[in-house]
Amino acid sequence: MNKKITLAVIGAGYWGPNLIRNFSRLDECFLKTVCDLDEKKLTKIKKSYPDILTTSNVEDVFGDQEINAVAIATPTKFHYSLAKKALESGRHVFIEKPLAQTSQQAEELIKLAKDKKLIIQVDHTFIYYGPVIKIKEIIDSGELGELFYFDSQRINLGLIQSDINVIWDLAPHDISILNYIYKEKAISVSAAGTKHFSKNKQEELAHITIEYATGFVAHIHVSWLSPVKLRQMIIGGDKKMIYFDDIEPTEKIKIYNKGIDLAETSEDTFNPIYRSGDVYLPVYDGTEALFKGCSNFINCITNGTEPETNGQAGLAVVRILEAASQSLAEDGKKIII
């Protein structure tokens, strides 16, 4: 019988409780400790999980030799320092998105993990999400044909943050999905954003454009200032198109047999023929994505395999986020990456 992986969660705020709930469900994992600076949050955790140790001192985690893996769910500004300390002390790392604040930090963490023979898994949860996995399967099958574009919007009212802008908060989800389903390397990134609250120095609304040498283009709209919550994505190909609406309770994916064919005639060399066929709803796995991600992390530690959302995948997302932020600072200039 394999020995259980003993794990600690650092951060019990917005996302931490979700990690605690899912890691505690795994038979192969022993969630021993939860750490947070807020004693009220720890008291709440203790009521739900009386057997879990709680502490407000992170040194209690790193000083415990039984703990061999750490899940980090803190604000982004603490990701690098905590992940580095965990890796230096010989712990595998599961870390909330984004991996780090800069690509240099991300590269350092990747190298450290490689030197220590440890695993980094970035919590790009959507890569373990049944509908997204199904979308990738459909694209990989060639059903959509040549891909033309990726359009997404992830908008809602709040949570406005002071340490990062809306791009770093919301866009990692869409960028990670984009990198997962389309493996070509992006060549440029541009972004436009606005700040509407004088006390907040971060952009609350932004549009990102990512271009590829193939002609494929991605547009990502993110906002904290929308009166409605939208989680939508359209992926267009020359044969078919996919519409993904994550707010829909059941019919999240729709495949449209729609498109444009061009017919040349002697009268008009540009004669579009609009094609409209059937629409169908593919079936996908309904297992909670975060549970699959947490389970994958433990399995990778046990089996010595690399997760789909490893350090390199996290770095690829950070590079696009960096380029988008640079473009914002330079009035929408196209940044070559």
C-alpha atoms as a PDB file:
ATOM      1  CA  MET A   1       0.000   0.000   0.000  1.00  0.00           C
ATOM      2  CA  ASN A   2       1.363   3.421  -1.019  1.00  0.00           C
ATOM      3  CA  LYS A   3       2.065   5.916   1.721  1.00  0.00           C
ATOM      4  CA  LYS A   4      -0.289   8.882   1.756  1.00  0.00           C
ATOM      5  CA  ILE A   5       0.974  12.292   0.667  1.00  0.00           C
ATOM      6  CA  THR A   6       0.872  14.643   3.656  1.00  0.00           C
ATOM      7  CA  LEU A   7      -0.201  18.120   2.616  1.00  0.00           C
ATOM      8  CA  ALA A   8      -0.656  21.621   4.008  1.00  0.00           C
ATOM      9  CA  VAL A   9      -2.787  24.414   2.552  1.00  0.00           C
ATOM     10  CA  ILE A  10      -1.461  27.959   2.913  1.00  0.00           C
ATOM     11  CA  GLY A  11      -4.259  30.484   2.529  1.00  0.00           C
ATOM     12  CA  ALA A  12      -7.838  29.960   3.712  1.00  0.00           C
ATOM     13  CA  GLY A  13      -9.466  32.977   2.100  1.00  0.00           C
ATOM     14  CA  TYR A  14     -11.455  32.997  -1.151  1.00  0.00           C
ATOM     15  CA  TRP A  15     -10.066  29.862  -2.856  1.00  0.00           C
ATOM     16  CA  GLY A  16      -8.385  28.046   0.020  1.00  0.00           C
ATOM     17  CA  PRO A  17     -11.577  26.452   1.399  1.00  0.00           C
ATOM     18  CA  ASN A  18     -12.209  24.870  -2.015  1.00  0.00           C
ATOM     19  CA  LEU A  19      -8.746  23.308  -1.953  1.00  0.00           C
ATOM     20  CA  ILE A  20      -9.279  22.104   1.615  1.00  0.00           C
ATOM     21  CA  ARG A  21     -12.605  20.504   0.680  1.00  0.00           C
ATOM     22  CA  ASN A  22     -11.179  18.675  -2.332  1.00  0.00           C
ATOM     23  CA  PHE A  23      -7.839  17.547  -0.913  1.00  0.00           C
ATOM     24  CA  SER A  24      -9.629  16.237   2.188  1.00  0.00           C
ATOM     25  CA  ARG A  25     -11.764  14.011  -0.077  1.00  0.00           C
ATOM     26  CA  LEU A  26      -8.747  12.170  -1.498  1.00  0.00           C
ATOM     27  CA  ASP A  27      -7.891   8.800   0.048  1.00  0.00           C
ATOM     28  CA  GLU A  28      -4.286   9.123  -1.179  1.00  0.00           C
ATOM     29  CA  CYS A  29      -3.823  12.427   0.639  1.00  0.00           C
ATOM     30  CA  PHE A  30      -3.609  13.374   4.322  1.00  0.00           C
ATOM     31  CA  LEU A  31      -4.436  17.062   4.726  1.00  0.00           C
ATOM     32  CA  LYS A  32      -2.664  17.800   7.974  1.00  0.00           C
ATOM     33  CA  THR A  33      -2.418  21.588   8.327  1.00  0.00           C
ATOM     34  CA  VAL A  34      -4.077  24.800   7.173  1.00  0.00           C
ATOM     35  CA  CYS A  35      -2.262  28.114   7.569  1.00  0.00           C
ATOM     36  CA  ASP A  36      -3.680  31.634   7.373  1.00  0.00           C
ATOM     37  CA  LEU A  37      -2.940  34.966   9.051  1.00  0.00           C
ATOM     38  CA  ASP A  38      -6.621  35.490   9.847  1.00  0.00           C
ATOM     39  CA  GLU A  39      -7.619  33.618  13.001  1.00  0.00           C
ATOM     40  CA  LYS A  40     -11.320  34.009  12.151  1.00  0.00           C
ATOM     41  CA  LYS A  41     -10.827  32.080   8.923  1.00  0.00           C
ATOM     42  CA  LEU A  42      -8.943  29.363  10.798  1.00  0.00           C
ATOM     43  CA  THR A  43     -11.726  29.103  13.384  1.00  0.00           C
ATOM     44  CA  LYS A  44     -14.233  28.600  10.581  1.00  0.00           C
ATOM     45  CA  ILE A  45     -12.061  25.887   9.020  1.00  0.00           C
ATOM     46  CA  LYS A  46     -11.648  24.165  12.384  1.00  0.00           C
ATOM     47  CA  LYS A  47     -15.428  23.960  12.835  1.00  0.00           C
ATOM     48  CA  SER A  48     -15.815  22.163   9.510  1.00  0.00           C
ATOM     49  CA  TYR A  49     -12.642  20.061   9.777  1.00  0.00           C
ATOM     50  CA  PRO A  50     -11.892  19.482  13.489  1.00  0.00           C
ATOM     51  CA  ASP A  51      -9.088  16.989  12.770  1.00  0.00           C
ATOM     52  CA  ILE A  52      -7.044  19.457  10.708  1.00  0.00           C
ATOM     53  CA  LEU A  53      -4.346  21.440  12.496  1.00  0.00           C
ATOM     54  CA  THR A  54      -4.509  25.221  12.034  1.00  0.00           C
ATOM     55  CA  THR A  55      -1.808  27.842  12.425  1.00  0.00           C
ATOM     56  CA  SER A  56      -1.199  31.504  11.652  1.00  0.00           C
ATOM     57  CA  ASN A  57       2.567  30.950  11.419  1.00  0.00           C
ATOM     58  CA  VAL A  58       3.797  29.616   8.086  1.00  0.00           C
ATOM     59  CA  GLU A  59       6.990  28.412   9.788  1.00  0.00           C
ATOM     60  CA  ASP A  60       4.864  25.735  11.472  1.00  0.00           C
ATOM     61  CA  VAL A  61       4.245  24.317   8.005  1.00  0.00           C
ATOM     62  CA  PHE A  62       7.839  24.439   6.789  1.00  0.00           C
ATOM     63  CA  GLY A  63       9.123  23.157  10.112  1.00  0.00           C
ATOM     64  CA  ASP A  64       6.952  20.040   9.974  1.00  0.00           C
ATOM     65  CA  GLN A  65       8.988  17.243   8.376  1.00  0.00           C
ATOM     66  CA  GLU A  66       5.887  15.115   7.824  1.00  0.00           C
ATOM     67  CA  ILE A  67       4.504  17.582   5.284  1.00  0.00           C
ATOM     68  CA  ASN A  68       5.790  16.743   1.802  1.00  0.00           C
ATOM     69  CA  ALA A  69       3.469  18.879  -0.332  1.00  0.00           C
ATOM     70  CA  VAL A  70       2.064  22.405  -0.042  1.00  0.00           C
ATOM     71  CA  ALA A  71      -0.945  24.009  -1.730  1.00  0.00           C
ATOM     72  CA  ILE A  72      -0.665  27.802  -1.964  1.00  0.00           C
ATOM     73  CA  ALA A  73      -3.840  29.901  -2.212  1.00  0.00           C
ATOM     74  CA  THR A  74      -2.649  33.344  -1.180  1.00  0.00           C
ATOM     75  CA  PRO A  75      -2.670  36.720  -2.972  1.00  0.00           C
ATOM     76  CA  THR A  76      -0.431  36.689  -6.062  1.00  0.00           C
ATOM     77  CA  LYS A  77       2.298  38.816  -4.472  1.00  0.00           C
ATOM     78  CA  PHE A  78       3.113  35.956  -2.061  1.00  0.00           C
ATOM     79  CA  HIS A  79       3.183  33.145  -4.636  1.00  0.00           C
ATOM     80  CA  TYR A  80       6.871  33.338  -5.518  1.00  0.00           C
ATOM     81  CA  SER A  81       8.280  33.627  -1.998  1.00  0.00           C
ATOM     82  CA  LEU A  82       6.099  30.850  -0.572  1.00  0.00           C
ATOM     83  CA  ALA A  83       6.629  28.499  -3.521  1.00  0.00           C
ATOM     84  CA  LYS A  84      10.371  29.082  -3.411  1.00  0.00           C
ATOM     85  CA  LYS A  85      10.510  28.317   0.301  1.00  0.00           C
ATOM     86  CA  ALA A  86       8.419  25.193  -0.181  1.00  0.00           C
ATOM     87  CA  LEU A  87      10.635  23.909  -2.997  1.00  0.00           C
ATOM     88  CA  GLU A  88      13.853  24.748  -1.160  1.00  0.00           C
ATOM     89  CA  SER A  89      12.584  22.737   1.812  1.00  0.00           C
ATOM     90  CA  GLY A  90      11.826  19.738  -0.423  1.00  0.00           C
ATOM     91  CA  ARG A  91       8.046  20.074  -0.801  1.00  0.00           C
ATOM     92  CA  HIS A  92       6.009  19.604  -3.958  1.00  0.00           C
ATOM     93  CA  VAL A  93       3.928  22.674  -4.813  1.00  0.00           C
ATOM     94  CA  PHE A  94       0.323  23.124  -5.934  1.00  0.00           C
ATOM     95  CA  ILE A  95      -0.139  26.850  -6.544  1.00  0.00           C
ATOM     96  CA  GLU A  96      -3.092  29.062  -7.360  1.00  0.00           C
ATOM     97  CA  LYS A  97      -2.934  30.994 -10.642  1.00  0.00           C
ATOM     98  CA  PRO A  98      -0.927  32.853 -11.750  1.00  0.00           C
ATOM     99  CA  LEU A  99       2.294  31.001 -10.972  1.00  0.00           C
ATOM    100  CA  ALA A 100       4.207  34.203 -10.183  1.00  0.00           C
ATOM    101  CA  GLN A 101       4.246  37.955 -10.772  1.00  0.00           C
ATOM    102  CA  THR A 102       6.973  37.810 -13.439  1.00  0.00           C
ATOM    103  CA  SER A 103       8.300  35.299 -15.931  1.00  0.00           C
ATOM    104  CA  GLN A 104      11.721  35.578 -14.265  1.00  0.00           C
ATOM    105  CA  GLN A 105      10.229  34.421 -10.970  1.00  0.00           C
ATOM    106  CA  ALA A 106       8.372  31.612 -12.737  1.00  0.00           C
ATOM    107  CA  GLU A 107      11.543  30.441 -14.495  1.00  0.00           C
ATOM    108  CA  GLU A 108      13.413  30.405 -11.187  1.00  0.00           C
ATOM    109  CA  LEU A 109      10.711  28.257  -9.571  1.00  0.00           C
ATOM    110  CA  ILE A 110      10.737  25.838 -12.519  1.00  0.00           C
ATOM    111  CA  LYS A 111      14.517  25.456 -12.339  1.00  0.00           C
ATOM    112  CA  LEU A 112      14.423  24.964  -8.579  1.00  0.00           C
ATOM    113  CA  ALA A 113      11.751  22.266  -8.892  1.00  0.00           C
ATOM    114  CA  LYS A 114      13.775  20.512 -11.600  1.00  0.00           C
ATOM    115  CA  ASP A 115      16.974  20.612  -9.534  1.00  0.00           C
ATOM    116  CA  LYS A 116      15.127  19.251  -6.489  1.00  0.00           C
ATOM    117  CA  LYS A 117      13.161  16.696  -8.566  1.00  0.00           C
ATOM    118  CA  LEU A 118       9.903  18.157  -7.283  1.00  0.00           C
ATOM    119  CA  ILE A 119       6.553  18.854  -8.927  1.00  0.00           C
ATOM    120  CA  ILE A 120       4.919  22.204  -9.534  1.00  0.00           C
ATOM    121  CA  GLN A 121       1.269  22.120 -10.531  1.00  0.00           C
ATOM    122  CA  VAL A 122      -0.410  25.438 -11.302  1.00  0.00           C
ATOM    123  CA  ASP A 123      -4.097  25.556 -10.465  1.00  0.00           C
ATOM    124  CA  HIS A 124      -5.351  26.269 -13.980  1.00  0.00           C
ATOM    125  CA  THR A 125      -8.557  24.505 -13.007  1.00  0.00           C
ATOM    126  CA  PHE A 126     -10.286  24.729 -16.383  1.00  0.00           C
ATOM    127  CA  ILE A 127      -7.765  22.354 -17.941  1.00  0.00           C
ATOM    128  CA  TYR A 128      -9.341  19.611 -15.786  1.00  0.00           C
ATOM    129  CA  TYR A 129     -12.893  20.743 -16.585  1.00  0.00           C
ATOM    130  CA  GLY A 130     -15.061  18.304 -18.527  1.00  0.00           C
ATOM    131  CA  PRO A 131     -16.462  20.830 -21.060  1.00  0.00           C
ATOM    132  CA  VAL A 132     -12.989  22.237 -21.848  1.00  0.00           C
ATOM    133  CA  ILE A 133     -11.537  18.738 -22.246  1.00  0.00           C
ATOM    134  CA  LYS A 134     -14.395  17.921 -24.621  1.00  0.00           C
ATOM    135  CA  ILE A 135     -13.765  21.121 -26.607  1.00  0.00           C
ATOM    136  CA  LYS A 136     -10.108  20.145 -27.020  1.00  0.00           C
ATOM    137  CA  GLU A 137     -11.103  16.646 -28.167  1.00  0.00           C
ATOM    138  CA  ILE A 138     -13.417  18.136 -30.797  1.00  0.00           C
ATOM    139  CA  ILE A 139     -10.735  20.535 -32.033  1.00  0.00           C
ATOM    140  CA  ASP A 140      -8.047  17.831 -32.098  1.00  0.00           C
ATOM    141  CA  SER A 141     -10.362  15.591 -34.132  1.00  0.00           C
ATOM    142  CA  GLY A 142     -10.372  18.195 -36.896  1.00  0.00           C
ATOM    143  CA  GLU A 143     -14.153  18.614 -36.741  1.00  0.00           C
ATOM    144  CA  LEU A 144     -13.885  22.412 -36.725  1.00  0.00           C
ATOM    145  CA  GLY A 145     -11.382  22.427 -39.577  1.00  0.00           C
ATOM    146  CA  GLU A 146      -8.811  25.211 -39.721  1.00  0.00           C
ATOM    147  CA  LEU A 147      -9.181  27.436 -36.662  1.00  0.00           C
ATOM    148  CA  PHE A 148      -9.765  31.147 -37.288  1.00  0.00           C
ATOM    149  CA  TYR A 149     -10.402  32.780 -33.940  1.00  0.00           C
ATOM    150  CA  PHE A 150     -10.991  32.490 -30.190  1.00  0.00           C
ATOM    151  CA  ASP A 151     -13.314  35.042 -28.561  1.00  0.00           C
ATOM    152  CA  SER A 152     -14.012  34.993 -24.836  1.00  0.00           C
ATOM    153  CA  GLN A 153     -15.508  37.219 -22.188  1.00  0.00           C
ATOM    154  CA  ARG A 154     -15.207  36.762 -18.449  1.00  0.00           C
ATOM    155  CA  ILE A 155     -17.031  39.633 -16.814  1.00  0.00           C
ATOM    156  CA  ASN A 156     -18.887  40.310 -13.562  1.00  0.00           C
ATOM    157  CA  LEU A 157     -19.328  42.963 -10.843  1.00  0.00           C
ATOM    158  CA  GLY A 158     -16.343  42.850  -8.412  1.00  0.00           C
ATOM    159  CA  LEU A 159     -14.124  41.548  -6.800  1.00  0.00           C
ATOM    160  CA  ILE A 160     -12.012  44.674  -7.352  1.00  0.00           C
ATOM    161  CA  GLN A 161      -8.480  44.104  -6.086  1.00  0.00           C
ATOM    162  CA  SER A 162      -5.740  46.584  -5.231  1.00  0.00           C
ATOM    163  CA  ASP A 163      -2.600  44.498  -5.813  1.00  0.00           C
ATOM    164  CA  ILE A 164      -3.348  43.182  -9.323  1.00  0.00           C
ATOM    165  CA  ASN A 165      -5.390  44.399 -12.286  1.00  0.00           C
ATOM    166  CA  VAL A 166      -8.335  42.580 -13.843  1.00  0.00           C
ATOM    167  CA  ILE A 167      -6.097  40.927 -16.438  1.00  0.00           C
ATOM    168  CA  TRP A 168      -3.998  39.155 -13.820  1.00  0.00           C
ATOM    169  CA  ASP A 169      -7.123  38.190 -11.877  1.00  0.00           C
ATOM    170  CA  LEU A 170      -9.453  36.849 -14.588  1.00  0.00           C
ATOM    171  CA  ALA A 171      -7.523  36.390 -17.841  1.00  0.00           C
ATOM    172  CA  PRO A 172      -5.323  33.477 -16.640  1.00  0.00           C
ATOM    173  CA  HIS A 173      -8.388  31.239 -16.977  1.00  0.00           C
ATOM    174  CA  ASP A 174      -8.958  32.097 -20.626  1.00  0.00           C
ATOM    175  CA  ILE A 175      -5.264  32.188 -21.525  1.00  0.00           C
ATOM    176  CA  SER A 176      -4.717  28.758 -19.984  1.00  0.00           C
ATOM    177  CA  ILE A 177      -7.665  27.369 -21.970  1.00  0.00           C
ATOM    178  CA  LEU A 178      -6.344  29.007 -25.131  1.00  0.00           C
ATOM    179  CA  ASN A 179      -2.861  27.523 -24.640  1.00  0.00           C
ATOM    180  CA  TYR A 180      -4.401  24.122 -23.933  1.00  0.00           C
ATOM    181  CA  ILE A 181      -6.583  23.903 -27.034  1.00  0.00           C
ATOM    182  CA  TYR A 182      -4.269  25.740 -29.472  1.00  0.00           C
ATOM    183  CA  LYS A 183      -0.657  24.652 -29.264  1.00  0.00           C
ATOM    184  CA  GLU A 184       0.903  27.187 -31.664  1.00  0.00           C
ATOM    185  CA  LYS A 185       3.053  29.857 -30.028  1.00  0.00           C
ATOM    186  CA  ALA A 186       1.678  33.383 -29.885  1.00  0.00           C
ATOM    187  CA  ILE A 187       3.778  36.054 -31.591  1.00  0.00           C
ATOM    188  CA  SER A 188       2.274  39.265 -30.199  1.00  0.00           C
ATOM    189  CA  VAL A 189      -0.001  40.620 -27.490  1.00  0.00           C
ATOM    190  CA  SER A 190      -1.771  43.965 -27.226  1.00  0.00           C
ATOM    191  CA  ALA A 191      -4.195  45.238 -24.612  1.00  0.00           C
ATOM    192  CA  ALA A 192      -6.408  48.196 -23.814  1.00  0.00           C
ATOM    193  CA  GLY A 193      -7.822  48.860 -20.368  1.00  0.00           C
ATOM    194  CA  THR A 194      -9.386  51.503 -18.173  1.00  0.00           C
ATOM    195  CA  LYS A 195      -9.316  52.618 -14.550  1.00  0.00           C
ATOM    196  CA  HIS A 196     -12.532  54.148 -13.241  1.00  0.00           C
ATOM    197  CA  PHE A 197     -11.939  54.375  -9.497  1.00  0.00           C
ATOM    198  CA  SER A 198      -9.484  57.025  -8.343  1.00  0.00           C
ATOM    199  CA  LYS A 199      -8.452  55.030  -5.283  1.00  0.00           C
ATOM    200  CA  ASN A 200      -7.761  51.950  -7.374  1.00  0.00           C
ATOM    201  CA  LYS A 201      -4.570  52.142  -9.443  1.00  0.00           C
ATOM    202  CA  GLN A 202      -5.348  48.933 -11.333  1.00  0.00           C
ATOM    203  CA  GLU A 203      -7.358  48.457 -14.517  1.00  0.00           C
ATOM    204  CA  GLU A 204     -10.867  47.132 -13.813  1.00  0.00           C
ATOM    205  CA  LEU A 205     -11.747  46.463 -17.454  1.00  0.00           C
ATOM    206  CA  ALA A 206      -9.556  45.270 -20.330  1.00  0.00           C
ATOM    207  CA  HIS A 207      -9.522  43.798 -23.822  1.00  0.00           C
ATOM    208  CA  ILE A 208      -6.593  41.611 -24.907  1.00  0.00           C
ATOM    209  CA  THR A 209      -5.630  40.607 -28.448  1.00  0.00           C
ATOM    210  CA  ILE A 210      -3.236  37.690 -29.021  1.00  0.00           C
ATOM    211  CA  GLU A 211      -1.967  37.039 -32.543  1.00  0.00           C
ATOM    212  CA  TYR A 212      -0.323  33.995 -34.133  1.00  0.00           C
ATOM    213  CA  ALA A 213       1.814  33.446 -37.228  1.00  0.00           C
ATOM    214  CA  THR A 214      -0.893  31.133 -38.630  1.00  0.00           C
ATOM    215  CA  GLY A 215      -3.390  33.999 -38.818  1.00  0.00           C
ATOM    216  CA  PHE A 216      -5.327  32.671 -35.826  1.00  0.00           C
ATOM    217  CA  VAL A 217      -6.300  35.442 -33.387  1.00  0.00           C
ATOM    218  CA  ALA A 218      -7.635  35.446 -29.813  1.00  0.00           C
ATOM    219  CA  HIS A 219      -9.656  38.214 -28.173  1.00  0.00           C
ATOM    220  CA  ILE A 220     -10.233  38.164 -24.417  1.00  0.00           C
ATOM    221  CA  HIS A 221     -12.530  40.602 -22.611  1.00  0.00           C
ATOM    222  CA  VAL A 222     -12.289  40.756 -18.814  1.00  0.00           C
ATOM    223  CA  SER A 223     -14.077  43.103 -16.431  1.00  0.00           C
ATOM    224  CA  TRP A 224     -14.957  43.695 -12.792  1.00  0.00           C
ATOM    225  CA  LEU A 225     -17.543  46.313 -13.798  1.00  0.00           C
ATOM    226  CA  SER A 226     -20.285  44.349 -15.538  1.00  0.00           C
ATOM    227  CA  PRO A 227     -23.852  44.301 -14.149  1.00  0.00           C
ATOM    228  CA  VAL A 228     -24.144  40.683 -15.317  1.00  0.00           C
ATOM    229  CA  LYS A 229     -21.879  37.680 -14.945  1.00  0.00           C
ATOM    230  CA  LEU A 230     -20.856  36.191 -18.306  1.00  0.00           C
ATOM    231  CA  ARG A 231     -18.516  33.279 -18.963  1.00  0.00           C
ATOM    232  CA  GLN A 232     -18.676  32.764 -22.715  1.00  0.00           C
ATOM    233  CA  MET A 233     -16.356  31.561 -25.447  1.00  0.00           C
ATOM    234  CA  ILE A 234     -16.631  31.153 -29.221  1.00  0.00           C
ATOM    235  CA  ILE A 235     -14.080  29.224 -31.260  1.00  0.00           C
ATOM    236  CA  GLY A 236     -14.485  29.534 -35.016  1.00  0.00           C
ATOM    237  CA  GLY A 237     -13.192  27.188 -37.686  1.00  0.00           C
ATOM    238  CA  ASP A 238     -13.746  26.950 -41.441  1.00  0.00           C
ATOM    239  CA  LYS A 239     -15.991  23.883 -41.000  1.00  0.00           C
ATOM    240  CA  LYS A 240     -17.789  24.348 -37.680  1.00  0.00           C
ATOM    241  CA  MET A 241     -17.889  26.630 -34.653  1.00  0.00           C
ATOM    242  CA  ILE A 242     -18.109  26.043 -30.895  1.00  0.00           C
ATOM    243  CA  TYR A 243     -20.103  28.143 -28.455  1.00  0.00           C
ATOM    244  CA  PHE A 244     -19.315  27.595 -24.767  1.00  0.00           C
ATOM    245  CA  ASP A 245     -21.419  29.186 -22.030  1.00  0.00           C
ATOM    246  CA  ASP A 246     -20.217  28.192 -18.580  1.00  0.00           C
ATOM    247  CA  ILE A 247     -23.181  29.853 -16.873  1.00  0.00           C
ATOM    248  CA  GLU A 248     -25.527  27.350 -18.508  1.00  0.00           C
ATOM    249  CA  PRO A 249     -26.313  24.604 -15.962  1.00  0.00           C
ATOM    250  CA  THR A 250     -26.348  21.710 -18.452  1.00  0.00           C
ATOM    251  CA  GLU A 251     -26.086  22.739 -22.118  1.00  0.00           C
ATOM    252  CA  LYS A 252     -22.662  24.367 -21.831  1.00  0.00           C
ATOM    253  CA  ILE A 253     -21.306  23.384 -25.282  1.00  0.00           C
ATOM    254  CA  LYS A 254     -23.008  23.815 -28.639  1.00  0.00           C
ATOM    255  CA  ILE A 255     -21.423  22.823 -31.958  1.00  0.00           C
ATOM    256  CA  TYR A 256     -22.708  24.838 -34.913  1.00  0.00           C
ATOM    257  CA  ASN A 257     -22.369  23.571 -38.453  1.00  0.00           C
ATOM    258  CA  LYS A 258     -22.229  27.134 -39.737  1.00  0.00           C
ATOM    259  CA  GLY A 259     -19.756  29.020 -41.850  1.00  0.00           C
ATOM    260  CA  ILE A 260     -19.000  30.864 -45.056  1.00  0.00           C
ATOM    261  CA  ASP A 261     -17.932  29.299 -48.343  1.00  0.00           C
ATOM    262  CA  LEU A 262     -16.651  31.417 -51.218  1.00  0.00           C
ATOM    263  CA  ALA A 263     -17.753  30.702 -54.761  1.00  0.00           C
ATOM    264  CA  GLU A 264     -16.088  32.431 -57.682  1.00  0.00           C
ATOM    265  CA  THR A 265     -18.325  33.483 -60.576  1.00  0.00           C
ATOM    266  CA  SER A 266     -17.664  35.426 -63.727  1.00  0.00           C
ATOM    267  CA  GLU A 267     -19.839  38.269 -62.443  1.00  0.00           C
ATOM    268  CA  ASP A 268     -18.392  38.498 -58.937  1.00  0.00           C
ATOM    269  CA  THR A 269     -15.102  36.990 -57.797  1.00  0.00           C
ATOM    270  CA  PHE A 270     -16.207  37.336 -54.158  1.00  0.00           C
ATOM    271  CA  ASN A 271     -19.491  35.528 -53.713  1.00  0.00           C
ATOM    272  CA  PRO A 272     -20.049  34.343 -50.124  1.00  0.00           C
ATOM    273  CA  ILE A 273     -22.326  31.390 -49.561  1.00  0.00           C
ATOM    274  CA  TYR A 274     -23.589  31.207 -46.001  1.00  0.00           C
ATOM    275  CA  ARG A 275     -23.784  27.653 -44.749  1.00  0.00           C
ATOM    276  CA  SER A 276     -26.128  26.696 -41.902  1.00  0.00           C
ATOM    277  CA  GLY A 277     -26.527  23.127 -40.700  1.00  0.00           C
ATOM    278  CA  ASP A 278     -27.358  21.228 -37.557  1.00  0.00           C
ATOM    279  CA  VAL A 279     -26.518  22.221 -33.999  1.00  0.00           C
ATOM    280  CA  TYR A 280     -25.635  19.514 -31.497  1.00  0.00           C
ATOM    281  CA  LEU A 281     -24.751  19.328 -27.815  1.00  0.00           C
ATOM    282  CA  PRO A 282     -21.857  16.979 -26.985  1.00  0.00           C
ATOM    283  CA  VAL A 283     -21.754  15.019 -23.734  1.00  0.00           C
ATOM    284  CA  TYR A 284     -18.905  15.747 -21.307  1.00  0.00           C
ATOM    285  CA  ASP A 285     -17.617  14.554 -17.945  1.00  0.00           C
ATOM    286  CA  GLY A 286     -19.379  16.330 -15.073  1.00  0.00           C
ATOM    287  CA  THR A 287     -16.801  15.617 -12.357  1.00  0.00           C
ATOM    288  CA  GLU A 288     -15.743  18.721 -10.422  1.00  0.00           C
ATOM    289  CA  ALA A 289     -12.673  20.133 -12.151  1.00  0.00           C
ATOM    290  CA  LEU A 290     -10.874  21.146  -8.966  1.00  0.00           C
ATOM    291  CA  PHE A 291     -11.272  17.660  -7.525  1.00  0.00           C
ATOM    292  CA  LYS A 292      -9.700  16.226 -10.688  1.00  0.00           C
ATOM    293  CA  GLY A 293      -6.894  18.776 -10.482  1.00  0.00           C
ATOM    294  CA  CYS A 294      -6.158  18.013  -6.831  1.00  0.00           C
ATOM    295  CA  SER A 295      -6.281  14.285  -7.541  1.00  0.00           C
ATOM    296  CA  ASN A 296      -3.929  14.752 -10.494  1.00  0.00           C
ATOM    297  CA  PHE A 297      -1.414  16.564  -8.275  1.00  0.00           C
ATOM    298  CA  ILE A 298      -1.326  13.734  -5.744  1.00  0.00           C
ATOM    299  CA  ASN A 299      -1.091  11.103  -8.511  1.00  0.00           C
ATOM    300  CA  CYS A 300       1.786  12.937 -10.176  1.00  0.00           C
ATOM    301  CA  ILE A 301       3.714  13.003  -6.891  1.00  0.00           C
ATOM    302  CA  THR A 302       3.041   9.303  -6.345  1.00  0.00           C
ATOM    303  CA  ASN A 303       3.905   8.246  -9.897  1.00  0.00           C
ATOM    304  CA  GLY A 304       6.642  10.777 -10.649  1.00  0.00           C
ATOM    305  CA  THR A 305       4.821  12.189 -13.685  1.00  0.00           C
ATOM    306  CA  GLU A 306       4.396  15.765 -14.905  1.00  0.00           C
ATOM    307  CA  PRO A 307       0.988  17.448 -14.589  1.00  0.00           C
ATOM    308  CA  GLU A 308      -0.690  18.973 -17.639  1.00  0.00           C
ATOM    309  CA  THR A 309      -0.582  22.337 -15.857  1.00  0.00           C
ATOM    310  CA  ASN A 310       3.063  22.148 -14.830  1.00  0.00           C
ATOM    311  CA  GLY A 311       5.478  25.011 -14.286  1.00  0.00           C
ATOM    312  CA  GLN A 312       6.068  25.471 -18.011  1.00  0.00           C
ATOM    313  CA  ALA A 313       2.322  25.813 -18.616  1.00  0.00           C
ATOM    314  CA  GLY A 314       2.166  28.374 -15.821  1.00  0.00           C
ATOM    315  CA  LEU A 315       5.134  30.262 -17.297  1.00  0.00           C
ATOM    316  CA  ALA A 316       3.462  30.436 -20.730  1.00  0.00           C
ATOM    317  CA  VAL A 317       0.435  32.120 -19.136  1.00  0.00           C
ATOM    318  CA  VAL A 318       2.590  34.558 -17.144  1.00  0.00           C
ATOM    319  CA  ARG A 319       4.461  35.619 -20.308  1.00  0.00           C
ATOM    320  CA  ILE A 320       1.200  36.607 -21.995  1.00  0.00           C
ATOM    321  CA  LEU A 321       0.016  38.395 -18.839  1.00  0.00           C
ATOM    322  CA  GLU A 322       3.315  40.300 -18.706  1.00  0.00           C
ATOM    323  CA  ALA A 323       3.047  41.302 -22.353  1.00  0.00           C
ATOM    324  CA  ALA A 324      -0.551  42.451 -21.846  1.00  0.00           C
ATOM    325  CA  SER A 325       0.472  44.583 -18.853  1.00  0.00           C
ATOM    326  CA  GLN A 326       3.356  46.074 -20.838  1.00  0.00           C
ATOM    327  CA  SER A 327       0.960  46.909 -23.662  1.00  0.00           C
ATOM    328  CA  LEU A 328      -1.385  48.599 -21.194  1.00  0.00           C
ATOM    329  CA  ALA A 329       1.497  50.710 -19.902  1.00  0.00           C
ATOM    330  CA  GLU A 330       2.435  51.687 -23.464  1.00  0.00           C
ATOM    331  CA  ASP A 331      -1.042  52.754 -24.619  1.00  0.00           C
ATOM    332  CA  GLY A 332      -1.955  49.534 -26.380  1.00  0.00           C
ATOM    333  CA  LYS A 333       1.327  48.970 -28.198  1.00  0.00           C
ATOM    334  CA  LYS A 334       1.694  45.552 -29.795  1.00  0.00           C
ATOM    335  CA  ILE A 335       4.258  43.576 -27.760  1.00  0.00           C
ATOM    336  CA  ILE A 336       6.246  40.899 -29.586  1.00  0.00           C
ATOM    337  CA  ILE A 337       6.751  37.765 -27.508  1.00  0.00           C
END
